[in-house]
Protein backbone atom coordinates (compact mmCIF):
# COMPACT_ATOMS: atom_id res chain seq x y z
CA MET A 1 -11.26 36.53 -32.13
CA SER A 2 -11.69 36.92 -28.35
CA ARG A 3 -14.80 39.03 -28.98
CA LEU A 4 -16.13 36.37 -31.34
CA LEU A 5 -15.46 33.58 -28.85
CA SER A 6 -17.32 35.53 -26.18
CA ILE A 7 -20.59 34.39 -27.74
CA VAL A 8 -19.79 30.88 -26.43
CA ARG A 9 -21.06 30.14 -22.91
CA ASP A 10 -18.50 30.90 -20.21
CA ASP A 11 -18.85 27.46 -18.63
CA VAL A 12 -18.27 25.77 -21.99
CA ARG A 13 -15.14 27.86 -22.62
CA ALA A 14 -13.86 26.77 -19.21
CA LEU A 15 -14.27 23.10 -20.04
CA ALA A 16 -11.53 20.83 -21.36
CA ALA A 17 -12.48 18.70 -24.35
CA TYR A 18 -12.84 14.96 -23.72
CA HIS A 19 -9.33 13.63 -24.19
CA VAL A 20 -8.62 10.34 -25.95
CA PRO A 21 -4.86 9.58 -25.90
CA ASP A 22 -3.03 8.30 -28.95
CA ALA A 23 -2.51 4.56 -28.52
CA SER A 24 -0.46 3.94 -31.67
CA GLY A 25 2.07 1.20 -31.07
CA LEU A 26 0.84 0.56 -27.52
CA VAL A 27 -0.91 -2.34 -25.82
CA LYS A 28 -4.21 -0.49 -25.36
CA LEU A 29 -5.79 -1.25 -22.00
CA ASP A 30 -7.37 2.11 -21.17
CA ALA A 31 -10.86 2.06 -22.73
CA MET A 32 -12.65 -1.14 -21.66
CA GLU A 33 -12.76 -2.50 -25.20
CA ASN A 34 -13.34 -6.13 -26.12
CA PRO A 35 -9.98 -7.28 -27.52
CA TYR A 36 -11.51 -9.90 -29.81
CA GLN A 37 -12.64 -9.40 -33.38
CA LEU A 38 -15.18 -11.50 -35.24
CA PRO A 39 -13.87 -14.76 -36.74
CA PRO A 40 -12.61 -14.36 -40.35
CA GLU A 41 -15.62 -16.06 -41.93
CA LEU A 42 -18.04 -13.79 -40.06
CA GLN A 43 -15.92 -10.80 -41.06
CA ARG A 44 -16.34 -11.84 -44.69
CA GLN A 45 -20.11 -12.27 -44.33
CA LEU A 46 -20.40 -8.93 -42.55
CA GLY A 47 -18.48 -7.26 -45.37
CA GLU A 48 -20.98 -8.62 -47.88
CA ARG A 49 -23.88 -7.45 -45.71
CA LEU A 50 -22.46 -3.95 -45.38
CA GLY A 51 -21.62 -3.81 -49.08
CA ALA A 52 -25.30 -4.27 -49.91
CA VAL A 53 -26.48 -1.41 -47.66
CA ALA A 54 -28.12 1.50 -49.51
CA LEU A 55 -25.73 4.26 -48.49
CA ASN A 56 -27.59 6.72 -50.72
CA ARG A 57 -30.69 6.58 -48.52
CA TYR A 58 -31.36 8.00 -45.09
CA PRO A 59 -31.96 5.46 -42.32
CA VAL A 60 -35.57 4.58 -41.62
CA PRO A 61 -35.87 6.58 -38.37
CA SER A 62 -38.04 4.02 -36.58
CA TYR A 63 -35.24 1.37 -36.74
CA ALA A 64 -37.99 -1.22 -36.34
CA GLY A 65 -35.93 -4.24 -37.39
CA LEU A 66 -32.94 -3.40 -35.23
CA LYS A 67 -35.09 -2.57 -32.22
CA ALA A 68 -36.94 -5.90 -32.59
CA ALA A 69 -33.60 -7.74 -32.72
CA ILE A 70 -32.39 -5.97 -29.57
CA ARG A 71 -35.63 -6.67 -27.70
CA HIS A 72 -35.34 -10.35 -28.62
CA HIS A 73 -31.63 -10.98 -28.04
CA MET A 74 -31.34 -8.77 -24.95
CA ALA A 75 -34.51 -10.17 -23.34
CA ILE A 76 -36.29 -6.83 -22.96
CA PRO A 77 -39.49 -7.44 -20.91
CA ALA A 78 -42.71 -7.92 -22.85
CA GLY A 79 -44.51 -4.66 -23.51
CA PHE A 80 -41.33 -2.57 -23.27
CA ASP A 81 -39.64 -0.89 -26.22
CA VAL A 82 -36.17 0.62 -26.65
CA ILE A 83 -34.73 3.88 -27.93
CA LEU A 84 -31.41 3.80 -29.78
CA GLY A 85 -28.56 6.25 -29.50
CA ASN A 86 -25.12 6.95 -30.89
CA GLY A 87 -23.58 5.25 -27.88
CA SER A 88 -24.66 5.75 -24.27
CA ASP A 89 -23.32 9.31 -24.43
CA GLU A 90 -26.14 10.37 -26.74
CA LEU A 91 -28.75 8.59 -24.63
CA ILE A 92 -27.54 10.46 -21.55
CA ALA A 93 -27.75 13.71 -23.52
CA ILE A 94 -31.28 12.87 -24.70
CA VAL A 95 -32.51 12.29 -21.14
CA SER A 96 -30.78 15.46 -19.94
CA THR A 97 -32.32 17.55 -22.71
CA ALA A 98 -35.78 16.17 -22.07
CA CYS A 99 -35.61 16.82 -18.31
CA ALA A 100 -33.74 20.14 -18.22
CA LYS A 101 -36.38 22.31 -16.60
CA PRO A 102 -35.11 25.46 -14.84
CA GLY A 103 -33.58 24.44 -11.53
CA ALA A 104 -33.62 20.71 -12.30
CA LYS A 105 -30.88 18.66 -10.65
CA VAL A 106 -28.91 15.54 -11.49
CA LEU A 107 -27.61 13.20 -8.77
CA ALA A 108 -24.99 10.47 -9.03
CA PRO A 109 -22.55 8.63 -6.77
CA VAL A 110 -18.93 9.68 -7.23
CA PRO A 111 -16.54 8.59 -8.52
CA GLY A 112 -18.65 7.64 -11.53
CA PHE A 113 -18.94 8.03 -15.28
CA VAL A 114 -17.79 11.53 -16.20
CA MET A 115 -20.53 12.05 -18.80
CA TYR A 116 -23.26 12.20 -16.15
CA ALA A 117 -21.86 15.49 -14.84
CA MET A 118 -20.83 16.85 -18.22
CA SER A 119 -24.19 16.15 -19.84
CA ALA A 120 -25.97 17.79 -16.91
CA GLN A 121 -23.83 20.90 -17.22
CA LEU A 122 -24.30 21.17 -20.97
CA ALA A 123 -28.07 20.87 -20.49
CA GLY A 124 -28.03 23.64 -17.88
CA MET A 125 -28.82 21.34 -14.95
CA ASP A 126 -27.22 21.36 -11.50
CA TYR A 127 -25.10 18.30 -10.76
CA ILE A 128 -24.76 16.80 -7.27
CA GLY A 129 -22.17 14.11 -6.61
CA VAL A 130 -22.46 12.00 -3.46
CA PRO A 131 -19.19 10.25 -2.53
CA LEU A 132 -19.14 6.49 -2.30
CA ARG A 133 -17.90 4.84 0.88
CA ALA A 134 -14.21 3.92 1.14
CA ASP A 135 -15.01 0.41 -0.14
CA PHE A 136 -16.85 1.97 -3.14
CA SER A 137 -20.28 0.90 -1.91
CA LEU A 138 -23.21 3.30 -2.01
CA ASP A 139 -23.57 5.65 0.94
CA ARG A 140 -27.25 4.84 1.17
CA GLU A 141 -28.17 7.31 3.89
CA ALA A 142 -26.30 10.17 2.22
CA MET A 143 -28.00 9.44 -1.10
CA LEU A 144 -31.43 9.31 0.52
CA ALA A 145 -30.80 12.55 2.40
CA VAL A 146 -29.88 14.39 -0.79
CA ILE A 147 -32.91 13.00 -2.59
CA ARG A 148 -35.21 14.21 0.18
CA ALA A 149 -33.62 17.65 0.26
CA GLN A 150 -33.04 18.27 -3.47
CA ARG A 151 -35.61 16.09 -5.32
CA PRO A 152 -33.32 15.46 -8.33
CA ALA A 153 -34.94 15.04 -11.72
CA ILE A 154 -32.38 12.37 -12.66
CA THR A 155 -30.43 9.96 -10.44
CA TYR A 156 -27.78 7.72 -11.99
CA LEU A 157 -26.84 4.28 -10.67
CA ALA A 158 -24.24 2.45 -12.75
CA TYR A 159 -24.48 -1.33 -12.34
CA PRO A 160 -21.53 -2.20 -12.35
CA ASN A 161 -19.97 1.17 -11.64
CA ASN A 162 -17.25 2.83 -13.71
CA PRO A 163 -14.41 3.31 -12.78
CA THR A 164 -14.63 1.18 -9.62
CA GLY A 165 -15.97 -1.99 -11.28
CA ASN A 166 -18.19 -3.09 -8.39
CA LEU A 167 -21.90 -3.88 -8.25
CA PHE A 168 -23.90 -1.73 -5.86
CA ASP A 169 -26.02 -3.51 -3.28
CA LEU A 170 -29.45 -4.20 -4.76
CA ASP A 171 -31.30 -3.30 -1.55
CA ASP A 172 -29.54 0.07 -1.50
CA MET A 173 -30.55 0.68 -5.11
CA LEU A 174 -34.16 -0.25 -4.43
CA ALA A 175 -34.26 2.10 -1.43
CA ILE A 176 -33.04 4.93 -3.65
CA ILE A 177 -35.55 4.09 -6.37
CA ARG A 178 -38.38 4.09 -3.84
CA GLU A 179 -37.27 7.40 -2.33
CA VAL A 180 -37.12 9.07 -5.75
CA GLY A 181 -40.65 7.83 -6.39
CA ASP A 182 -42.63 9.74 -8.98
CA THR A 183 -40.66 12.98 -8.57
CA GLY A 184 -37.72 11.89 -10.72
CA LEU A 185 -36.08 9.26 -12.89
CA VAL A 186 -33.49 6.68 -11.89
CA ILE A 187 -31.16 5.71 -14.72
CA VAL A 188 -29.69 2.24 -14.15
CA ASP A 189 -26.66 2.21 -16.43
CA GLU A 190 -25.67 -1.35 -17.37
CA ALA A 191 -22.87 -0.63 -19.82
CA TYR A 192 -20.87 -3.57 -18.43
CA GLN A 193 -23.73 -6.02 -17.92
CA PRO A 194 -22.29 -8.77 -20.20
CA PHE A 195 -19.55 -9.29 -17.61
CA ALA A 196 -21.58 -8.80 -14.44
CA GLY A 197 -23.49 -12.08 -14.19
CA THR A 198 -26.60 -10.18 -13.12
CA SER A 199 -28.92 -7.44 -14.35
CA PHE A 200 -31.59 -5.08 -13.07
CA LEU A 201 -33.62 -5.76 -16.23
CA PRO A 202 -36.11 -8.23 -14.65
CA GLN A 203 -36.97 -5.51 -12.11
CA LEU A 204 -37.82 -2.95 -14.78
CA PRO A 205 -41.59 -3.63 -15.02
CA HIS A 206 -41.97 -3.10 -11.26
CA HIS A 207 -40.45 0.41 -11.20
CA PRO A 208 -42.07 2.94 -13.55
CA ASN A 209 -39.49 5.61 -12.63
CA VAL A 210 -36.52 3.50 -13.83
CA VAL A 211 -34.82 3.81 -17.20
CA LEU A 212 -32.41 0.98 -18.00
CA MET A 213 -29.52 1.94 -20.27
CA ARG A 214 -27.01 -0.30 -22.05
CA THR A 215 -24.45 -0.22 -24.84
CA VAL A 216 -23.13 -2.77 -27.31
CA SER A 217 -19.66 -1.15 -27.19
CA LYS A 218 -18.30 -3.55 -24.57
CA LEU A 219 -19.47 -6.54 -26.63
CA GLY A 220 -16.79 -5.95 -29.26
CA LEU A 221 -18.71 -3.26 -31.14
CA ALA A 222 -17.16 -0.09 -29.72
CA GLY A 223 -16.34 1.18 -33.19
CA ILE A 224 -19.94 1.36 -34.39
CA ARG A 225 -21.32 3.36 -31.42
CA LEU A 226 -24.73 2.03 -30.42
CA GLY A 227 -26.54 2.33 -27.12
CA TYR A 228 -30.11 1.55 -26.17
CA MET A 229 -32.40 2.28 -23.26
CA SER A 230 -35.69 0.80 -22.13
CA ALA A 231 -38.42 2.24 -19.92
CA SER A 232 -42.17 2.63 -19.87
CA ASN A 233 -43.58 3.49 -23.27
CA GLU A 234 -44.87 6.80 -21.91
CA LEU A 235 -41.35 7.89 -20.95
CA LEU A 236 -39.81 6.65 -24.19
CA ALA A 237 -42.35 8.64 -26.19
CA GLU A 238 -41.16 11.84 -24.50
CA PHE A 239 -37.48 11.03 -24.98
CA ASP A 240 -38.11 10.22 -28.63
CA LYS A 241 -39.21 13.82 -29.21
CA VAL A 242 -35.68 15.10 -28.60
CA ARG A 243 -33.83 12.24 -30.32
CA PRO A 244 -32.28 13.31 -33.64
CA PRO A 245 -34.31 11.56 -36.37
CA TYR A 246 -31.35 9.87 -38.09
CA ASN A 247 -29.06 9.34 -35.10
CA VAL A 248 -28.07 5.76 -35.98
CA ASN A 249 -26.47 5.30 -39.38
CA VAL A 250 -27.32 2.48 -41.78
CA LEU A 251 -23.93 0.76 -41.45
CA THR A 252 -24.28 0.58 -37.67
CA GLU A 253 -27.82 -0.71 -38.05
CA ALA A 254 -26.77 -3.47 -40.46
CA ALA A 255 -23.67 -4.41 -38.45
CA VAL A 256 -25.54 -4.80 -35.15
CA GLU A 257 -28.33 -6.81 -36.76
CA PHE A 258 -25.70 -9.13 -38.25
CA VAL A 259 -23.77 -9.57 -35.00
CA LEU A 260 -26.96 -10.28 -33.05
CA GLU A 261 -27.69 -13.08 -35.51
CA HIS A 262 -24.42 -14.59 -34.27
CA ALA A 263 -24.85 -13.68 -30.62
CA SER A 264 -23.24 -16.94 -29.47
CA VAL A 265 -19.89 -15.65 -30.73
CA ILE A 266 -19.93 -12.47 -28.66
CA ASP A 267 -21.34 -14.37 -25.67
CA ALA A 268 -18.35 -16.71 -25.86
CA GLN A 269 -16.00 -13.73 -26.04
CA ALA A 270 -17.59 -12.25 -22.90
CA GLU A 271 -17.10 -15.57 -21.10
CA ALA A 272 -13.44 -15.62 -22.12
CA ILE A 273 -12.98 -12.09 -20.79
CA CYS A 274 -14.59 -13.04 -17.48
CA ALA A 275 -12.22 -16.02 -17.19
CA GLU A 276 -9.25 -13.76 -17.90
CA ARG A 277 -10.53 -11.26 -15.33
CA SER A 278 -10.40 -13.95 -12.65
CA GLN A 279 -6.85 -14.86 -13.63
CA LEU A 280 -5.76 -11.23 -13.71
CA LEU A 281 -7.27 -10.50 -10.30
CA GLN A 282 -5.50 -13.56 -8.88
CA SER A 283 -2.16 -12.44 -10.30
CA LEU A 284 -2.59 -8.91 -8.99
CA ALA A 285 -3.54 -10.17 -5.53
CA GLU A 286 -0.08 -11.76 -5.27
CA LEU A 287 1.64 -8.37 -5.50
CA PRO A 288 2.16 -6.74 -2.09
CA GLU A 289 2.66 -3.35 -3.77
CA VAL A 290 -0.85 -3.41 -5.24
CA GLU A 291 -4.32 -3.27 -3.75
CA CYS A 292 -6.81 -4.75 -6.20
CA PHE A 293 -10.57 -4.30 -5.94
CA PRO A 294 -13.32 -6.78 -6.90
CA SER A 295 -14.71 -6.28 -10.40
CA ALA A 296 -17.93 -7.25 -12.16
CA ALA A 297 -16.89 -5.43 -15.34
CA ASN A 298 -14.33 -5.97 -18.11
CA PHE A 299 -11.71 -3.96 -16.26
CA VAL A 300 -10.00 -4.00 -12.91
CA LEU A 301 -9.17 -1.14 -10.57
CA LEU A 302 -5.94 -1.28 -8.63
CA ARG A 303 -4.14 1.02 -6.21
CA ILE A 304 -0.38 1.39 -5.97
CA GLN A 305 0.57 1.15 -2.32
CA ARG A 306 4.35 0.97 -2.37
CA PRO A 307 5.82 3.81 -0.27
CA GLY A 308 7.43 6.50 -2.39
CA LEU A 309 5.72 5.32 -5.58
CA THR A 310 2.57 6.94 -6.91
CA GLY A 311 -0.04 5.72 -9.34
CA THR A 312 1.14 8.38 -11.80
CA ASP A 313 4.72 7.07 -11.50
CA VAL A 314 3.56 3.58 -12.42
CA PHE A 315 1.35 4.90 -15.22
CA GLN A 316 4.34 6.66 -16.78
CA ARG A 317 6.57 3.62 -16.38
CA LEU A 318 3.95 1.41 -18.02
CA LEU A 319 3.95 3.82 -20.97
CA GLN A 320 7.70 3.34 -21.26
CA HIS A 321 6.95 -0.38 -21.58
CA ARG A 322 4.42 0.48 -24.36
CA VAL A 323 1.37 -0.33 -22.21
CA LEU A 324 -1.46 2.21 -21.92
CA VAL A 325 -3.85 2.04 -18.96
CA LYS A 326 -6.14 4.70 -17.47
CA ASN A 327 -4.72 6.89 -14.70
CA VAL A 328 -7.85 7.66 -12.64
CA GLY A 329 -6.06 9.00 -9.58
CA LYS A 330 -7.11 12.59 -10.22
CA MET A 331 -10.79 11.82 -10.75
CA HIS A 332 -11.63 11.73 -7.04
CA THR A 333 -9.84 11.52 -3.70
CA LEU A 334 -11.18 7.98 -3.24
CA LEU A 335 -9.15 6.98 -6.30
CA GLU A 336 -5.79 8.30 -5.16
CA ASP A 337 -2.94 6.32 -6.78
CA CYS A 338 -5.45 4.15 -8.69
CA LEU A 339 -5.15 2.78 -12.22
CA ARG A 340 -7.93 1.21 -14.28
CA VAL A 341 -6.89 -1.66 -16.54
CA THR A 342 -8.95 -3.29 -19.29
CA VAL A 343 -9.10 -7.08 -19.18
CA SER A 344 -7.70 -8.26 -22.50
CA THR A 345 -6.40 -11.43 -24.15
CA PRO A 346 -4.11 -13.82 -22.25
CA GLN A 347 -1.20 -12.49 -24.31
CA GLU A 348 -1.88 -8.80 -23.62
CA ASN A 349 -2.64 -9.46 -19.96
CA ALA A 350 0.73 -11.21 -19.68
CA VAL A 351 2.44 -8.21 -21.30
CA PHE A 352 0.71 -5.93 -18.80
CA MET A 353 1.70 -8.04 -15.79
CA SER A 354 5.31 -8.18 -16.92
CA ALA A 355 5.36 -4.41 -17.45
CA LEU A 356 3.71 -3.86 -14.06
CA HIS A 357 6.30 -6.02 -12.30
CA SER A 358 9.07 -3.97 -13.89
CA SER A 359 7.31 -0.69 -13.12
CA LEU A 360 6.92 -1.56 -9.46
CA MET A 361 10.52 -2.61 -9.03
CA SER A 362 12.39 0.02 -11.04
C-alpha cells in the first residue's frame, strides 16, 4: 500500500484533511451558521417547490434564472454577470486553477480564511501570508512591499475578515488594489456582507482587477452550498472555462430561487443576528477575564486573558457544558488564547454566556 500511496503528491500526503467536529447534542457555535430556519409555511411551500424539480435531468449549466435572481436581489451592478459555485470554496478553487501559471503567487493577510492557502497549494501556487497588525488591521506598507517585490497573481482581501471579524480600512484596500494594477487580481471576499452594513460592490465597476465573491451560506442556507462571484465579463468568461459544467445541483438552484423570492425573511433574520451581536459584545465587555474585539460579521472573536487560564482550557470547559465554539488559538500567533463564537439566538447566546461564566471561574 505504501508504494501505491506514493503516486499521491508528497505535499498532499502531508496535509491534514479539513476537520469538521461532531456537534451532536451540543449548542453549535463554531461555524458561523444562521441559527434561524424558514417559517413553517415557507418550509411547506419550499417542499412543494423541491418536490416538483426534475431530478432525472441534469441542471441547465447556464443557470440563467438563478443568476438573474441573484443579480436582481443582490444588486449586482448593471452590465456585470455572476458565476456560481458549490460554496465559496469551489469559487476559490476555480480562480486558483485558472491563474496557476508556473511560479504564480497568492497573497493574503494572515490570519485569514484557511482555504486561500490550501487552494493555492493544491493548484501548485506559492502562498505568501502577510501578518495583520496587532489590532487586526491591514499592514498596508507590508502588503504593498510584497506586491511590488512578488507581483502576486491573486491577492485576497476578506471584507469582513475571518476569523477576526473586522472590516479592513477602505483606503488601505484601495491602495492595495491600485498597486496590484493590471498584473494580478484582487479577490474581495464578502462572505459576511449581510452583517457588515457596508459592501465593496458599488466600487466594482471602477476596478477591473477586482473579483467580488460572496456566499449565501451565512444567510441561513449553509446546507445547500452556493457561492457566487462577480467581475468583468472578460474575466468571468475565462473562469467559466474551468468551472465544472454541472457544479450547482437542481435542488440548490430551486431552493435559492425560492428563498430569494422571500428575501425579506432572511433580511429580517440578518437584522436579528446583528442585534444579538451587539448584545453579546456588550455582555462580553463586562467580563474582565475576556478581551473582545469589534465584529462586522455574524461571529465574535474573544481572547481569554485570565492568568493561568488558556483559550484551550476554556474551549474544553465549554465542551463540558455542551457548547461548541471554534478554538482559533493555534491558527496564528496573533490569535493566541482566542476563541471564535457564532452569534446565535437569544436563548443559545444566553446558554453560551452562562457556560463561559462557569468556564472562567472553575
